[in-house]
């Protein structure tokens, strides 16, 4: 599509990655696209190209984060959403997407520290603790207004806002 600024930063490769988790492993291909300050990793089953999951992150969180130890202001990204197909959970797909996001960020010159979002579910809390990284105190979404605000900049493929 001419003029589309959702540019892939990596291409699907013929060399799938092998995930590993409590329910076995899965061969996946990753695709990463970005638009403005948002990037998405998509995990696709290597043989069927069925969507196994996605991870959306803010490439550079406005105002970054103050490092606790030094007090220094640092540039960071921030996860906005992580989803894995229900039947494929427990196979390391979400962890693979998180690692791929950091890898792509490094190659693209973006902040390679990608913080977890404070508005995460109980399950998201467990996942964040498992994969590591900075985990701010959890603040569950408490209202529809906050949910709408969190997704106000997400667009549908045809460019219309998703509300």
N, C-alpha and C. Protein backbone atom coordinates (compact mmCIF):
# COMPACT_ATOMS: atom_id res chain seq x y z
N UNK A 1 0.84 -1.18 0.00
CA UNK A 1 0.00 0.00 0.00
C UNK A 1 0.88 1.24 0.00
N UNK A 2 0.80 2.02 -1.03
CA UNK A 2 1.60 3.23 -1.12
C UNK A 2 1.19 4.22 -0.04
N UNK A 3 2.16 4.85 0.57
CA UNK A 3 1.88 5.88 1.57
C UNK A 3 1.58 5.32 2.95
N UNK A 4 1.58 4.01 3.13
CA UNK A 4 1.30 3.43 4.44
C UNK A 4 2.56 3.52 5.28
N UNK A 5 2.46 4.11 6.49
CA UNK A 5 3.66 4.26 7.31
C UNK A 5 3.78 3.17 8.37
N UNK A 6 3.01 2.08 8.26
CA UNK A 6 3.19 0.93 9.15
C UNK A 6 4.26 0.05 8.52
N UNK A 7 5.49 0.39 8.75
CA UNK A 7 6.62 -0.23 8.08
C UNK A 7 7.16 -1.42 8.85
N UNK A 8 7.30 -2.59 8.20
CA UNK A 8 7.92 -3.70 8.92
C UNK A 8 9.39 -3.40 9.18
N UNK A 9 9.85 -3.70 10.38
CA UNK A 9 11.26 -3.50 10.67
C UNK A 9 12.04 -4.80 10.56
N UNK A 10 11.34 -5.92 10.48
CA UNK A 10 11.97 -7.19 10.14
C UNK A 10 11.01 -7.94 9.24
N UNK A 11 11.53 -8.84 8.46
CA UNK A 11 10.69 -9.63 7.57
C UNK A 11 10.51 -11.02 8.16
N UNK A 12 9.45 -11.69 7.75
CA UNK A 12 9.31 -13.09 8.13
C UNK A 12 10.49 -13.83 7.56
N UNK A 13 11.05 -14.72 8.33
CA UNK A 13 12.20 -15.47 7.82
C UNK A 13 11.80 -16.92 7.62
N UNK A 14 12.58 -17.61 6.84
CA UNK A 14 12.34 -19.04 6.63
C UNK A 14 12.89 -19.84 7.80
N UNK A 15 13.52 -19.15 8.75
CA UNK A 15 14.12 -19.82 9.89
C UNK A 15 13.29 -19.54 11.14
N UNK A 16 12.36 -20.44 11.49
CA UNK A 16 11.52 -20.19 12.66
C UNK A 16 12.29 -20.34 13.96
N UNK A 17 11.74 -19.74 15.00
CA UNK A 17 12.32 -19.86 16.34
C UNK A 17 11.54 -20.92 17.09
N UNK A 18 12.22 -21.65 17.94
CA UNK A 18 11.58 -22.68 18.74
C UNK A 18 11.33 -22.12 20.13
N UNK A 19 10.05 -22.05 20.54
CA UNK A 19 9.73 -21.61 21.89
C UNK A 19 9.80 -22.82 22.81
N UNK A 20 9.87 -22.58 24.09
CA UNK A 20 9.90 -23.69 25.04
C UNK A 20 9.20 -23.25 26.31
N UNK A 21 8.22 -24.03 26.72
CA UNK A 21 7.48 -23.70 27.93
C UNK A 21 6.97 -24.95 28.62
N UNK A 22 6.10 -24.74 29.59
CA UNK A 22 5.60 -25.85 30.40
C UNK A 22 4.73 -26.82 29.61
N UNK A 23 4.16 -26.38 28.49
CA UNK A 23 3.31 -27.25 27.67
C UNK A 23 3.99 -27.68 26.38
N UNK A 24 5.28 -27.67 26.34
CA UNK A 24 5.99 -28.09 25.14
C UNK A 24 6.55 -26.91 24.38
N UNK A 25 6.84 -27.14 23.12
CA UNK A 25 7.43 -26.09 22.31
C UNK A 25 6.61 -25.88 21.03
N UNK A 26 6.85 -24.77 20.40
CA UNK A 26 6.16 -24.42 19.17
C UNK A 26 7.14 -23.68 18.27
N UNK A 27 7.12 -23.98 16.99
CA UNK A 27 7.93 -23.23 16.03
C UNK A 27 7.14 -22.01 15.60
N UNK A 28 7.70 -20.83 15.79
CA UNK A 28 7.01 -19.61 15.42
C UNK A 28 7.90 -18.73 14.55
N UNK A 29 7.25 -17.91 13.74
CA UNK A 29 7.90 -16.83 13.01
C UNK A 29 7.44 -15.53 13.65
N UNK A 30 8.30 -14.56 13.72
CA UNK A 30 7.93 -13.27 14.29
C UNK A 30 7.89 -12.23 13.18
N UNK A 31 6.92 -11.35 13.26
CA UNK A 31 6.86 -10.18 12.39
C UNK A 31 6.73 -8.98 13.32
N UNK A 32 7.45 -7.92 13.02
CA UNK A 32 7.37 -6.71 13.83
C UNK A 32 7.06 -5.54 12.92
N UNK A 33 6.03 -4.79 13.27
CA UNK A 33 5.69 -3.58 12.54
C UNK A 33 5.64 -2.43 13.53
N UNK A 34 5.86 -1.23 13.01
CA UNK A 34 5.76 -0.07 13.89
C UNK A 34 5.12 1.09 13.14
N UNK A 35 4.50 1.94 13.91
CA UNK A 35 3.88 3.15 13.38
C UNK A 35 4.00 4.20 14.46
N UNK A 36 4.57 5.32 14.08
CA UNK A 36 4.81 6.40 15.02
C UNK A 36 5.59 5.86 16.21
N UNK A 37 5.05 5.88 17.42
CA UNK A 37 5.78 5.45 18.61
C UNK A 37 5.28 4.12 19.15
N UNK A 38 4.55 3.35 18.34
CA UNK A 38 4.01 2.06 18.77
C UNK A 38 4.57 0.96 17.87
N UNK A 39 4.98 -0.15 18.47
CA UNK A 39 5.46 -1.30 17.70
C UNK A 39 4.71 -2.54 18.17
N UNK A 40 4.60 -3.51 17.28
CA UNK A 40 3.91 -4.76 17.58
C UNK A 40 4.73 -5.93 17.09
N UNK A 41 4.92 -6.92 17.97
CA UNK A 41 5.50 -8.20 17.59
C UNK A 41 4.32 -9.15 17.41
N UNK A 42 4.27 -9.82 16.27
CA UNK A 42 3.26 -10.84 16.04
C UNK A 42 3.97 -12.19 15.96
N UNK A 43 3.47 -13.16 16.70
CA UNK A 43 4.00 -14.52 16.65
C UNK A 43 3.06 -15.34 15.77
N UNK A 44 3.61 -15.97 14.76
CA UNK A 44 2.83 -16.76 13.81
C UNK A 44 3.33 -18.20 13.84
N UNK A 45 2.40 -19.15 13.88
CA UNK A 45 2.79 -20.56 13.85
C UNK A 45 3.54 -20.80 12.55
N UNK A 46 4.70 -21.43 12.62
CA UNK A 46 5.59 -21.54 11.47
C UNK A 46 5.01 -22.28 10.28
N UNK A 47 4.17 -23.29 10.52
CA UNK A 47 3.67 -24.05 9.37
C UNK A 47 2.30 -23.58 8.86
N UNK A 48 1.50 -22.95 9.72
CA UNK A 48 0.16 -22.53 9.29
C UNK A 48 0.00 -21.02 9.17
N UNK A 49 0.95 -20.26 9.73
CA UNK A 49 0.89 -18.80 9.85
C UNK A 49 -0.32 -18.33 10.66
N UNK A 50 -0.88 -19.24 11.47
CA UNK A 50 -1.95 -18.89 12.41
C UNK A 50 -1.36 -17.95 13.46
N UNK A 51 -2.08 -16.91 13.83
CA UNK A 51 -1.60 -15.98 14.84
C UNK A 51 -1.57 -16.67 16.19
N UNK A 52 -0.39 -16.75 16.78
CA UNK A 52 -0.23 -17.36 18.09
C UNK A 52 -0.29 -16.31 19.19
N UNK A 53 0.02 -15.06 18.86
CA UNK A 53 -0.01 -14.01 19.86
C UNK A 53 0.53 -12.70 19.33
N UNK A 54 0.41 -11.67 20.15
CA UNK A 54 1.01 -10.38 19.82
C UNK A 54 1.41 -9.65 21.10
N UNK A 55 2.39 -8.77 20.96
CA UNK A 55 2.85 -7.91 22.03
C UNK A 55 2.96 -6.51 21.45
N UNK A 56 2.30 -5.56 22.08
CA UNK A 56 2.33 -4.16 21.62
C UNK A 56 3.09 -3.35 22.66
N UNK A 57 4.02 -2.51 22.19
CA UNK A 57 4.73 -1.67 23.13
C UNK A 57 4.94 -0.27 22.59
N UNK A 58 5.03 0.67 23.52
CA UNK A 58 5.40 2.04 23.20
C UNK A 58 6.92 2.03 23.03
N UNK A 59 7.38 2.47 21.86
CA UNK A 59 8.82 2.42 21.57
C UNK A 59 9.60 3.25 22.58
N UNK A 60 9.15 4.46 22.84
CA UNK A 60 9.81 5.30 23.84
C UNK A 60 8.73 5.94 24.70
N UNK A 61 8.70 5.55 25.96
CA UNK A 61 7.73 6.07 26.92
C UNK A 61 8.02 7.55 27.15
N UNK A 62 7.00 8.41 27.00
CA UNK A 62 7.24 9.84 27.26
C UNK A 62 7.82 10.04 28.67
N UNK A 63 8.84 10.83 28.76
CA UNK A 63 9.53 11.17 30.01
C UNK A 63 10.34 10.01 30.57
N UNK A 64 10.36 8.86 29.89
CA UNK A 64 11.19 7.75 30.34
C UNK A 64 10.87 7.28 31.74
N UNK A 65 11.92 6.92 32.47
CA UNK A 65 11.77 6.45 33.84
C UNK A 65 13.00 6.86 34.62
N UNK A 66 12.80 7.22 35.87
CA UNK A 66 13.93 7.58 36.74
C UNK A 66 14.48 6.30 37.35
N UNK A 67 15.76 6.06 37.14
CA UNK A 67 16.44 4.88 37.67
C UNK A 67 16.53 5.01 39.18
N UNK A 68 16.05 4.01 39.91
CA UNK A 68 15.99 4.07 41.37
C UNK A 68 17.37 4.21 42.01
N UNK A 69 18.32 3.44 41.53
CA UNK A 69 19.65 3.44 42.16
C UNK A 69 20.40 4.75 41.97
N UNK A 70 20.40 5.29 40.74
CA UNK A 70 21.21 6.47 40.44
C UNK A 70 20.40 7.77 40.40
N UNK A 71 19.09 7.65 40.26
CA UNK A 71 18.26 8.84 40.11
C UNK A 71 18.29 9.41 38.71
N UNK A 72 19.05 8.76 37.82
CA UNK A 72 19.19 9.21 36.43
C UNK A 72 17.91 8.94 35.63
N UNK A 73 17.55 9.87 34.76
CA UNK A 73 16.40 9.69 33.86
C UNK A 73 16.87 8.85 32.68
N UNK A 74 16.18 7.73 32.39
CA UNK A 74 16.59 6.85 31.30
C UNK A 74 15.45 6.69 30.29
N UNK A 75 15.82 6.44 29.05
CA UNK A 75 14.84 6.19 27.99
C UNK A 75 14.41 4.73 28.04
N UNK A 76 13.11 4.50 28.06
CA UNK A 76 12.57 3.14 28.10
C UNK A 76 11.34 3.05 27.20
N UNK A 77 11.04 1.83 26.77
CA UNK A 77 9.77 1.53 26.14
C UNK A 77 8.83 1.00 27.21
N UNK A 78 7.56 0.76 26.83
CA UNK A 78 6.62 0.22 27.80
C UNK A 78 5.61 -0.68 27.11
N UNK A 79 5.44 -1.88 27.63
CA UNK A 79 4.45 -2.81 27.09
C UNK A 79 3.06 -2.24 27.29
N UNK A 80 2.25 -2.32 26.26
CA UNK A 80 0.85 -1.88 26.34
C UNK A 80 -0.10 -3.05 26.39
N UNK A 81 0.22 -4.16 25.71
CA UNK A 81 -0.66 -5.33 25.70
C UNK A 81 0.15 -6.56 25.29
N UNK A 82 -0.18 -7.68 25.92
CA UNK A 82 0.39 -8.98 25.55
C UNK A 82 -0.78 -9.95 25.48
N UNK A 83 -0.82 -10.71 24.40
CA UNK A 83 -1.89 -11.69 24.24
C UNK A 83 -1.32 -12.93 23.56
N UNK A 84 -1.71 -14.09 24.06
CA UNK A 84 -1.36 -15.36 23.43
C UNK A 84 -2.65 -16.15 23.26
N UNK A 85 -2.80 -16.76 22.08
CA UNK A 85 -3.96 -17.61 21.80
C UNK A 85 -4.12 -18.62 22.94
N UNK A 86 -5.35 -18.78 23.42
CA UNK A 86 -5.62 -19.61 24.60
C UNK A 86 -5.01 -21.00 24.50
N UNK A 87 -5.18 -21.68 23.37
CA UNK A 87 -4.67 -23.04 23.22
C UNK A 87 -3.15 -23.11 23.15
N UNK A 88 -2.48 -21.98 23.01
CA UNK A 88 -1.03 -21.97 22.84
C UNK A 88 -0.29 -21.41 24.05
N UNK A 89 -1.05 -21.11 25.09
CA UNK A 89 -0.42 -20.56 26.29
C UNK A 89 0.43 -21.62 26.97
N UNK A 90 1.46 -21.18 27.68
CA UNK A 90 2.35 -22.09 28.39
C UNK A 90 3.44 -22.68 27.52
N UNK A 91 3.62 -22.14 26.30
CA UNK A 91 4.65 -22.65 25.39
C UNK A 91 5.80 -21.67 25.17
N UNK A 92 5.83 -20.61 25.95
CA UNK A 92 6.93 -19.65 25.83
C UNK A 92 6.75 -18.62 24.73
N UNK A 93 5.55 -18.53 24.15
CA UNK A 93 5.32 -17.60 23.04
C UNK A 93 5.40 -16.15 23.51
N UNK A 94 4.76 -15.82 24.63
CA UNK A 94 4.81 -14.43 25.13
C UNK A 94 6.23 -14.03 25.50
N UNK A 95 6.97 -14.94 26.12
CA UNK A 95 8.37 -14.65 26.45
C UNK A 95 9.18 -14.44 25.18
N UNK A 96 8.94 -15.26 24.16
CA UNK A 96 9.64 -15.09 22.88
C UNK A 96 9.35 -13.75 22.25
N UNK A 97 8.09 -13.30 22.33
CA UNK A 97 7.74 -11.98 21.77
C UNK A 97 8.44 -10.87 22.53
N UNK A 98 8.53 -11.00 23.85
CA UNK A 98 9.20 -10.01 24.68
C UNK A 98 10.68 -9.92 24.31
N UNK A 99 11.31 -11.06 24.16
CA UNK A 99 12.74 -11.09 23.78
C UNK A 99 12.93 -10.52 22.37
N UNK A 100 12.01 -10.85 21.45
CA UNK A 100 12.09 -10.33 20.08
C UNK A 100 11.94 -8.81 20.09
N UNK A 101 11.05 -8.28 20.90
CA UNK A 101 10.87 -6.82 20.99
C UNK A 101 12.18 -6.15 21.40
N UNK A 102 12.86 -6.70 22.39
CA UNK A 102 14.13 -6.12 22.85
C UNK A 102 15.20 -6.23 21.76
N UNK A 103 15.22 -7.36 21.05
CA UNK A 103 16.18 -7.56 19.96
C UNK A 103 15.96 -6.55 18.84
N UNK A 104 14.71 -6.37 18.44
CA UNK A 104 14.39 -5.43 17.37
C UNK A 104 14.70 -4.00 17.81
N UNK A 105 14.37 -3.68 19.05
CA UNK A 105 14.66 -2.34 19.58
C UNK A 105 16.16 -2.04 19.49
N UNK A 106 16.99 -3.01 19.82
CA UNK A 106 18.44 -2.82 19.76
C UNK A 106 18.90 -2.57 18.33
N UNK A 107 18.38 -3.36 17.38
CA UNK A 107 18.79 -3.18 15.98
C UNK A 107 18.30 -1.86 15.40
N UNK A 108 17.12 -1.39 15.86
CA UNK A 108 16.54 -0.17 15.31
C UNK A 108 17.05 1.09 16.01
N UNK A 109 17.81 0.93 17.09
CA UNK A 109 18.31 2.10 17.82
C UNK A 109 17.28 2.67 18.79
N UNK A 110 16.28 1.89 19.15
CA UNK A 110 15.25 2.30 20.10
C UNK A 110 15.71 1.92 21.51
N UNK A 111 15.03 2.45 22.55
CA UNK A 111 15.37 2.01 23.90
C UNK A 111 15.22 0.48 24.02
N UNK A 112 16.24 -0.16 24.56
CA UNK A 112 16.22 -1.62 24.67
C UNK A 112 15.66 -2.10 26.00
N UNK A 113 15.40 -1.17 26.89
CA UNK A 113 14.73 -1.51 28.13
C UNK A 113 13.23 -1.30 27.89
N UNK A 114 12.46 -2.37 28.02
CA UNK A 114 11.02 -2.28 27.80
C UNK A 114 10.34 -2.65 29.10
N UNK A 115 9.82 -1.63 29.78
CA UNK A 115 9.19 -1.83 31.09
C UNK A 115 7.84 -2.52 30.95
N UNK A 116 7.43 -3.19 32.00
CA UNK A 116 6.09 -3.75 32.06
C UNK A 116 5.13 -2.62 32.42
N UNK A 117 3.91 -2.75 31.99
CA UNK A 117 2.89 -1.74 32.22
C UNK A 117 2.32 -1.89 33.63
N UNK A 118 2.07 -0.79 34.33
CA UNK A 118 1.48 -0.92 35.67
C UNK A 118 0.04 -1.45 35.61
N UNK A 119 -0.66 -1.26 34.50
CA UNK A 119 -2.04 -1.73 34.37
C UNK A 119 -2.04 -3.12 33.76
N UNK A 120 -1.72 -4.11 34.60
CA UNK A 120 -1.66 -5.49 34.13
C UNK A 120 -2.57 -6.36 34.99
N UNK A 121 -2.96 -7.47 34.44
CA UNK A 121 -3.83 -8.40 35.14
C UNK A 121 -3.01 -9.21 36.15
N UNK A 122 -3.70 -10.01 36.94
CA UNK A 122 -3.02 -10.90 37.88
C UNK A 122 -2.11 -11.86 37.10
N UNK A 123 -2.63 -12.43 36.00
CA UNK A 123 -1.83 -13.34 35.16
C UNK A 123 -0.65 -12.59 34.55
N UNK A 124 -0.88 -11.34 34.14
CA UNK A 124 0.19 -10.51 33.59
C UNK A 124 1.27 -10.23 34.61
N UNK A 125 0.88 -10.12 35.85
CA UNK A 125 1.84 -9.92 36.94
C UNK A 125 2.79 -11.11 37.05
N UNK A 126 2.21 -12.32 36.99
CA UNK A 126 3.02 -13.53 37.06
C UNK A 126 3.97 -13.65 35.88
N UNK A 127 3.45 -13.33 34.68
CA UNK A 127 4.28 -13.40 33.48
C UNK A 127 5.42 -12.39 33.55
N UNK A 128 5.12 -11.16 33.98
CA UNK A 128 6.14 -10.12 34.08
C UNK A 128 7.24 -10.53 35.05
N UNK A 129 6.86 -11.13 36.18
CA UNK A 129 7.85 -11.59 37.15
C UNK A 129 8.71 -12.70 36.54
N UNK A 130 8.11 -13.55 35.72
CA UNK A 130 8.84 -14.67 35.12
C UNK A 130 9.88 -14.19 34.11
N UNK A 131 9.50 -13.24 33.23
CA UNK A 131 10.44 -12.81 32.18
C UNK A 131 11.44 -11.77 32.66
N UNK A 132 11.14 -11.13 33.78
CA UNK A 132 12.06 -10.13 34.32
C UNK A 132 11.81 -8.76 33.73
N UNK A 133 12.67 -7.84 34.06
CA UNK A 133 12.52 -6.46 33.62
C UNK A 133 11.85 -5.63 34.70
N UNK A 134 11.82 -4.32 34.47
CA UNK A 134 11.25 -3.41 35.46
C UNK A 134 9.74 -3.58 35.52
N UNK A 135 9.24 -3.78 36.74
CA UNK A 135 7.83 -3.99 36.99
C UNK A 135 7.34 -2.93 37.98
N UNK A 136 6.69 -1.87 37.49
CA UNK A 136 6.18 -0.87 38.44
C UNK A 136 5.05 -1.49 39.27
N UNK A 137 4.70 -0.87 40.39
CA UNK A 137 3.58 -1.40 41.18
C UNK A 137 2.33 -1.54 40.31
N UNK A 138 1.59 -2.61 40.53
CA UNK A 138 0.42 -2.92 39.71
C UNK A 138 -0.74 -1.99 40.05
N UNK A 139 -1.36 -1.45 38.99
CA UNK A 139 -2.54 -0.60 39.10
C UNK A 139 -3.57 -1.13 38.12
N UNK A 140 -4.43 -2.07 38.54
CA UNK A 140 -5.42 -2.62 37.61
C UNK A 140 -6.31 -1.52 37.04
N UNK A 141 -6.74 -1.69 35.78
CA UNK A 141 -7.66 -0.74 35.17
C UNK A 141 -8.96 -0.82 35.95
N UNK A 142 -9.44 0.32 36.41
CA UNK A 142 -10.61 0.33 37.27
C UNK A 142 -11.87 0.86 36.60
N UNK A 143 -11.76 1.41 35.39
CA UNK A 143 -12.95 1.97 34.78
C UNK A 143 -12.88 1.87 33.26
N UNK A 144 -14.04 1.96 32.64
CA UNK A 144 -14.12 1.97 31.19
C UNK A 144 -13.39 3.18 30.63
N UNK A 145 -13.47 4.31 31.30
CA UNK A 145 -12.80 5.52 30.82
C UNK A 145 -11.29 5.32 30.74
N UNK A 146 -10.71 4.65 31.74
CA UNK A 146 -9.28 4.39 31.71
C UNK A 146 -8.92 3.43 30.58
N UNK A 147 -9.78 2.44 30.35
CA UNK A 147 -9.54 1.50 29.26
C UNK A 147 -9.57 2.22 27.93
N UNK A 148 -10.58 3.08 27.71
CA UNK A 148 -10.67 3.85 26.47
C UNK A 148 -9.46 4.76 26.29
N UNK A 149 -9.01 5.38 27.37
CA UNK A 149 -7.84 6.25 27.28
C UNK A 149 -6.59 5.45 26.91
N UNK A 150 -6.46 4.24 27.47
CA UNK A 150 -5.28 3.42 27.19
C UNK A 150 -5.21 3.01 25.73
N UNK A 151 -6.36 2.83 25.08
CA UNK A 151 -6.39 2.37 23.70
C UNK A 151 -6.79 3.48 22.71
N UNK A 152 -6.75 4.73 23.14
CA UNK A 152 -7.21 5.83 22.29
C UNK A 152 -6.36 6.03 21.04
N UNK A 153 -5.09 5.62 21.07
CA UNK A 153 -4.24 5.82 19.90
C UNK A 153 -4.09 4.57 19.04
N UNK A 154 -4.82 3.50 19.35
CA UNK A 154 -4.75 2.28 18.56
C UNK A 154 -5.68 2.43 17.37
N UNK A 155 -5.19 2.07 16.20
CA UNK A 155 -5.99 2.18 14.99
C UNK A 155 -6.25 0.83 14.37
N UNK A 156 -7.41 0.72 13.72
CA UNK A 156 -7.74 -0.48 12.96
C UNK A 156 -6.92 -0.46 11.67
N UNK A 157 -6.78 -1.60 10.99
CA UNK A 157 -5.98 -1.64 9.75
C UNK A 157 -6.44 -0.64 8.69
N UNK A 158 -7.71 -0.28 8.67
CA UNK A 158 -8.18 0.68 7.67
C UNK A 158 -7.98 2.13 8.09
N UNK A 159 -7.34 2.33 9.27
CA UNK A 159 -7.02 3.68 9.73
C UNK A 159 -8.08 4.29 10.63
N UNK A 160 -9.22 3.64 10.81
CA UNK A 160 -10.25 4.16 11.68
C UNK A 160 -9.89 3.84 13.13
N UNK A 161 -10.19 4.74 14.04
CA UNK A 161 -9.90 4.51 15.45
C UNK A 161 -10.71 3.36 16.01
N UNK A 162 -10.16 2.64 16.96
CA UNK A 162 -10.86 1.53 17.63
C UNK A 162 -11.38 2.02 18.96
N UNK A 163 -12.63 2.28 19.07
CA UNK A 163 -13.22 2.72 20.32
C UNK A 163 -14.50 1.98 20.55
